[in-house]
Every structure is written in structure tokens, then in C-alpha cells.
Amino acid sequence: MNPIVCRLIPPGEMDLMGRIAGLRLVARYASWQHTAFDVHSSAHISVYGLGR
């Protein structure tokens, strides 16, 4: 097996990669229970869709 290289990225970088891929941000949550994402959130669930 080969080693897997992972790194954490902030939401803004994720949004940029989405835009480059032709996607747009539809929603962002702090948890799978759809709690609001804010500056105190330690994780994010970002939902992207096809850009228009």
C-alpha cells in the first residue's frame, strides 16, 4: 500500500476549488444536523452544485 497524503483546507480554499471546477456553494453547515456555521465552528459540511 502507498502512503496517503492528506491536509486540512479552510472553507475559502474549498470554495475556490469548487469555483474552478464550475461549482457554486449551495449551503454550509457546522454539522450533519445542519447547525449554523460560524467563526467558532470546528468543522464544516459544504454543499456544492452546478454553477449558473
PDB file of N, CA and C in Angstrom:
ATOM      1  N   MET A   1       0.831  -1.178   0.000  1.00  0.00           N
ATOM      2  CA  MET A   1       0.000   0.000   0.000  1.00  0.00           C
ATOM      3  C   MET A   1       0.880   1.248   0.000  1.00  0.00           C
ATOM      4  N   ASN A   2       0.433   2.260  -0.684  1.00  0.00           N
ATOM      5  CA  ASN A   2       1.137   3.537  -0.709  1.00  0.00           C
ATOM      6  C   ASN A   2       0.636   4.425   0.415  1.00  0.00           C
ATOM      7  N   PRO A   3       1.490   5.297   0.939  1.00  0.00           N
ATOM      8  CA  PRO A   3       1.017   6.234   1.954  1.00  0.00           C
ATOM      9  C   PRO A   3       0.036   7.231   1.337  1.00  0.00           C
ATOM     10  N   ILE A   4      -0.918   7.651   2.124  1.00  0.00           N
ATOM     11  CA  ILE A   4      -1.901   8.634   1.684  1.00  0.00           C
ATOM     12  C   ILE A   4      -1.529   9.966   2.311  1.00  0.00           C
ATOM     13  N   VAL A   5      -1.410  10.992   1.481  1.00  0.00           N
ATOM     14  CA  VAL A   5      -1.073  12.323   1.972  1.00  0.00           C
ATOM     15  C   VAL A   5      -2.358  13.134   2.038  1.00  0.00           C
ATOM     16  N   CYS A   6      -2.677  13.649   3.202  1.00  0.00           N
ATOM     17  CA  CYS A   6      -3.884  14.458   3.396  1.00  0.00           C
ATOM     18  C   CYS A   6      -3.495  15.770   4.054  1.00  0.00           C
ATOM     19  N   ARG A   7      -4.289  16.785   3.802  1.00  0.00           N
ATOM     20  CA  ARG A   7      -4.116  18.040   4.518  1.00  0.00           C
ATOM     21  C   ARG A   7      -5.475  18.684   4.696  1.00  0.00           C
ATOM     22  N   LEU A   8      -5.611  19.461   5.742  1.00  0.00           N
ATOM     23  CA  LEU A   8      -6.853  20.167   6.009  1.00  0.00           C
ATOM     24  C   LEU A   8      -6.869  21.456   5.203  1.00  0.00           C
ATOM     25  N   ILE A   9      -8.033  21.833   4.703  1.00  0.00           N
ATOM     26  CA  ILE A   9      -8.155  23.096   3.981  1.00  0.00           C
ATOM     27  C   ILE A   9      -9.291  23.910   4.586  1.00  0.00           C
ATOM     28  N   PRO A  10      -9.146  25.224   4.588  1.00  0.00           N
ATOM     29  CA  PRO A  10     -10.204  26.078   5.114  1.00  0.00           C
ATOM     30  C   PRO A  10     -11.358  26.173   4.110  1.00  0.00           C
ATOM     31  N   PRO A  11     -12.539  26.553   4.568  1.00  0.00           N
ATOM     32  CA  PRO A  11     -13.697  26.646   3.671  1.00  0.00           C
ATOM     33  C   PRO A  11     -13.460  27.538   2.450  1.00  0.00           C
ATOM     34  N   GLY A  12     -12.733  28.643   2.628  1.00  0.00           N
ATOM     35  CA  GLY A  12     -12.476  29.537   1.493  1.00  0.00           C
ATOM     36  C   GLY A  12     -11.693  28.863   0.384  1.00  0.00           C
ATOM     37  N   GLU A  13     -10.726  28.024   0.749  1.00  0.00           N
ATOM     38  CA  GLU A  13      -9.956  27.303  -0.256  1.00  0.00           C
ATOM     39  C   GLU A  13     -10.827  26.259  -0.951  1.00  0.00           C
ATOM     40  N   MET A  14     -11.710  25.610  -0.183  1.00  0.00           N
ATOM     41  CA  MET A  14     -12.648  24.655  -0.763  1.00  0.00           C
ATOM     42  C   MET A  14     -13.571  25.353  -1.772  1.00  0.00           C
ATOM     43  N   ASP A  15     -14.041  26.559  -1.412  1.00  0.00           N
ATOM     44  CA  ASP A  15     -14.905  27.323  -2.313  1.00  0.00           C
ATOM     45  C   ASP A  15     -14.175  27.666  -3.610  1.00  0.00           C
ATOM     46  N   LEU A  16     -12.913  28.062  -3.499  1.00  0.00           N
ATOM     47  CA  LEU A  16     -12.125  28.389  -4.686  1.00  0.00           C
ATOM     48  C   LEU A  16     -11.988  27.171  -5.598  1.00  0.00           C
ATOM     49  N   MET A  17     -11.678  26.024  -5.029  1.00  0.00           N
ATOM     50  CA  MET A  17     -11.561  24.806  -5.847  1.00  0.00           C
ATOM     51  C   MET A  17     -12.894  24.474  -6.514  1.00  0.00           C
ATOM     52  N   GLY A  18     -13.994  24.690  -5.789  1.00  0.00           N
ATOM     53  CA  GLY A  18     -15.308  24.463  -6.368  1.00  0.00           C
ATOM     54  C   GLY A  18     -15.568  25.384  -7.547  1.00  0.00           C
ATOM     55  N   ARG A  19     -15.258  26.677  -7.380  1.00  0.00           N
ATOM     56  CA  ARG A  19     -15.467  27.629  -8.479  1.00  0.00           C
ATOM     57  C   ARG A  19     -14.635  27.256  -9.691  1.00  0.00           C
ATOM     58  N   ILE A  20     -13.386  26.863  -9.470  1.00  0.00           N
ATOM     59  CA  ILE A  20     -12.515  26.458 -10.581  1.00  0.00           C
ATOM     60  C   ILE A  20     -13.112  25.262 -11.308  1.00  0.00           C
ATOM     61  N   ALA A  21     -13.792  24.387 -10.569  1.00  0.00           N
ATOM     62  CA  ALA A  21     -14.417  23.197 -11.167  1.00  0.00           C
ATOM     63  C   ALA A  21     -15.801  23.490 -11.750  1.00  0.00           C
ATOM     64  N   GLY A  22     -16.245  24.757 -11.666  1.00  0.00           N
ATOM     65  CA  GLY A  22     -17.544  25.119 -12.228  1.00  0.00           C
ATOM     66  C   GLY A  22     -18.704  24.897 -11.269  1.00  0.00           C
ATOM     67  N   LEU A  23     -18.426  24.806  -9.974  1.00  0.00           N
ATOM     68  CA  LEU A  23     -19.477  24.582  -8.981  1.00  0.00           C
ATOM     69  C   LEU A  23     -19.704  25.854  -8.178  1.00  0.00           C
ATOM     70  N   ARG A  24     -20.860  25.931  -7.527  1.00  0.00           N
ATOM     71  CA  ARG A  24     -21.152  27.060  -6.647  1.00  0.00           C
ATOM     72  C   ARG A  24     -21.588  26.531  -5.292  1.00  0.00           C
ATOM     73  N   LEU A  25     -21.302  27.289  -4.257  1.00  0.00           N
ATOM     74  CA  LEU A  25     -21.687  26.916  -2.906  1.00  0.00           C
ATOM     75  C   LEU A  25     -23.198  27.045  -2.765  1.00  0.00           C
ATOM     76  N   VAL A  26     -23.854  25.979  -2.345  1.00  0.00           N
ATOM     77  CA  VAL A  26     -25.305  25.977  -2.136  1.00  0.00           C
ATOM     78  C   VAL A  26     -25.618  26.185  -0.658  1.00  0.00           C
ATOM     79  N   ALA A  27     -24.883  25.520   0.229  1.00  0.00           N
ATOM     80  CA  ALA A  27     -25.109  25.637   1.680  1.00  0.00           C
ATOM     81  C   ALA A  27     -23.856  25.229   2.421  1.00  0.00           C
ATOM     82  N   ARG A  28     -23.723  25.739   3.650  1.00  0.00           N
ATOM     83  CA  ARG A  28     -22.607  25.334   4.513  1.00  0.00           C
ATOM     84  C   ARG A  28     -23.138  25.210   5.930  1.00  0.00           C
ATOM     85  N   TYR A  29     -22.816  24.076   6.556  1.00  0.00           N
ATOM     86  CA  TYR A  29     -23.271  23.790   7.912  1.00  0.00           C
ATOM     87  C   TYR A  29     -22.071  23.449   8.785  1.00  0.00           C
ATOM     88  N   ALA A  30     -22.287  23.517  10.109  1.00  0.00           N
ATOM     89  CA  ALA A  30     -21.235  23.156  11.056  1.00  0.00           C
ATOM     90  C   ALA A  30     -21.303  21.684  11.443  1.00  0.00           C
ATOM     91  N   SER A  31     -22.409  21.013  11.107  1.00  0.00           N
ATOM     92  CA  SER A  31     -22.564  19.592  11.446  1.00  0.00           C
ATOM     93  C   SER A  31     -23.569  18.947  10.503  1.00  0.00           C
ATOM     94  N   TRP A  32     -23.662  17.635  10.594  1.00  0.00           N
ATOM     95  CA  TRP A  32     -24.629  16.904   9.769  1.00  0.00           C
ATOM     96  C   TRP A  32     -26.063  17.188  10.201  1.00  0.00           C
ATOM     97  N   GLN A  33     -26.240  17.814  11.377  1.00  0.00           N
ATOM     98  CA  GLN A  33     -27.574  18.183  11.854  1.00  0.00           C
ATOM     99  C   GLN A  33     -27.982  19.569  11.348  1.00  0.00           C
ATOM    100  N   HIS A  34     -27.200  20.132  10.432  1.00  0.00           N
ATOM    101  CA  HIS A  34     -27.461  21.428   9.792  1.00  0.00           C
ATOM    102  C   HIS A  34     -27.401  22.596  10.765  1.00  0.00           C
ATOM    103  N   THR A  35     -26.559  22.495  11.802  1.00  0.00           N
ATOM    104  CA  THR A  35     -26.365  23.644  12.669  1.00  0.00           C
ATOM    105  C   THR A  35     -25.600  24.724  11.917  1.00  0.00           C
ATOM    106  N   ALA A  36     -25.824  25.963  12.322  1.00  0.00           N
ATOM    107  CA  ALA A  36     -25.242  27.096  11.611  1.00  0.00           C
ATOM    108  C   ALA A  36     -23.706  27.072  11.689  1.00  0.00           C
ATOM    109  N   PHE A  37     -23.077  27.396  10.578  1.00  0.00           N
ATOM    110  CA  PHE A  37     -21.622  27.506  10.512  1.00  0.00           C
ATOM    111  C   PHE A  37     -21.244  28.932  10.895  1.00  0.00           C
ATOM    112  N   ASP A  38     -20.302  29.098  11.830  1.00  0.00           N
ATOM    113  CA  ASP A  38     -19.828  30.424  12.207  1.00  0.00           C
ATOM    114  C   ASP A  38     -18.337  30.362  12.544  1.00  0.00           C
ATOM    115  N   VAL A  39     -17.795  31.459  13.026  1.00  0.00           N
ATOM    116  CA  VAL A  39     -16.355  31.527  13.291  1.00  0.00           C
ATOM    117  C   VAL A  39     -15.905  30.563  14.382  1.00  0.00           C
ATOM    118  N   HIS A  40     -16.824  30.063  15.198  1.00  0.00           N
ATOM    119  CA  HIS A  40     -16.483  29.128  16.274  1.00  0.00           C
ATOM    120  C   HIS A  40     -16.603  27.664  15.848  1.00  0.00           C
ATOM    121  N   SER A  41     -17.047  27.414  14.626  1.00  0.00           N
ATOM    122  CA  SER A  41     -17.232  26.040  14.151  1.00  0.00           C
ATOM    123  C   SER A  41     -15.882  25.367  13.956  1.00  0.00           C
ATOM    124  N   SER A  42     -15.787  24.111  14.371  1.00  0.00           N
ATOM    125  CA  SER A  42     -14.527  23.378  14.221  1.00  0.00           C
ATOM    126  C   SER A  42     -14.525  22.485  12.981  1.00  0.00           C
ATOM    127  N   ALA A  43     -15.658  22.401  12.299  1.00  0.00           N
ATOM    128  CA  ALA A  43     -15.770  21.593  11.083  1.00  0.00           C
ATOM    129  C   ALA A  43     -16.786  22.253  10.164  1.00  0.00           C
ATOM    130  N   HIS A  44     -16.805  21.810   8.910  1.00  0.00           N
ATOM    131  CA  HIS A  44     -17.826  22.330   8.005  1.00  0.00           C
ATOM    132  C   HIS A  44     -18.291  21.255   7.049  1.00  0.00           C
ATOM    133  N   ILE A  45     -19.561  21.321   6.733  1.00  0.00           N
ATOM    134  CA  ILE A  45     -20.172  20.494   5.692  1.00  0.00           C
ATOM    135  C   ILE A  45     -20.546  21.483   4.596  1.00  0.00           C
ATOM    136  N   SER A  46     -19.900  21.400   3.462  1.00  0.00           N
ATOM    137  CA  SER A  46     -20.155  22.313   2.358  1.00  0.00           C
ATOM    138  C   SER A  46     -20.851  21.561   1.242  1.00  0.00           C
ATOM    139  N   VAL A  47     -21.940  22.151   0.742  1.00  0.00           N
ATOM    140  CA  VAL A  47     -22.734  21.532  -0.331  1.00  0.00           C
ATOM    141  C   VAL A  47     -22.569  22.404  -1.575  1.00  0.00           C
ATOM    142  N   TYR A  48     -22.150  21.770  -2.662  1.00  0.00           N
ATOM    143  CA  TYR A  48     -21.930  22.489  -3.912  1.00  0.00           C
ATOM    144  C   TYR A  48     -22.837  21.949  -5.002  1.00  0.00           C
ATOM    145  N   GLY A  49     -23.164  22.800  -5.954  1.00  0.00           N
ATOM    146  CA  GLY A  49     -23.981  22.394  -7.093  1.00  0.00           C
ATOM    147  C   GLY A  49     -23.414  23.015  -8.354  1.00  0.00           C
ATOM    148  N   LEU A  50     -24.008  22.676  -9.472  1.00  0.00           N
ATOM    149  CA  LEU A  50     -23.559  23.226 -10.745  1.00  0.00           C
ATOM    150  C   LEU A  50     -23.789  24.726 -10.778  1.00  0.00           C
ATOM    151  N   GLY A  51     -22.780  25.479 -11.197  1.00  0.00           N
ATOM    152  CA  GLY A  51     -22.876  26.926 -11.257  1.00  0.00           C
ATOM    153  C   GLY A  51     -23.794  27.393 -12.367  1.00  0.00           C
ATOM    154  N   ARG A  52     -24.359  28.553 -12.183  1.00  0.00           N
ATOM    155  CA  ARG A  52     -25.226  29.165 -13.217  1.00  0.00           C
ATOM    156  C   ARG A  52     -24.902  30.603 -13.373  1.00  0.00           C
TER     157      ARG A  52
END
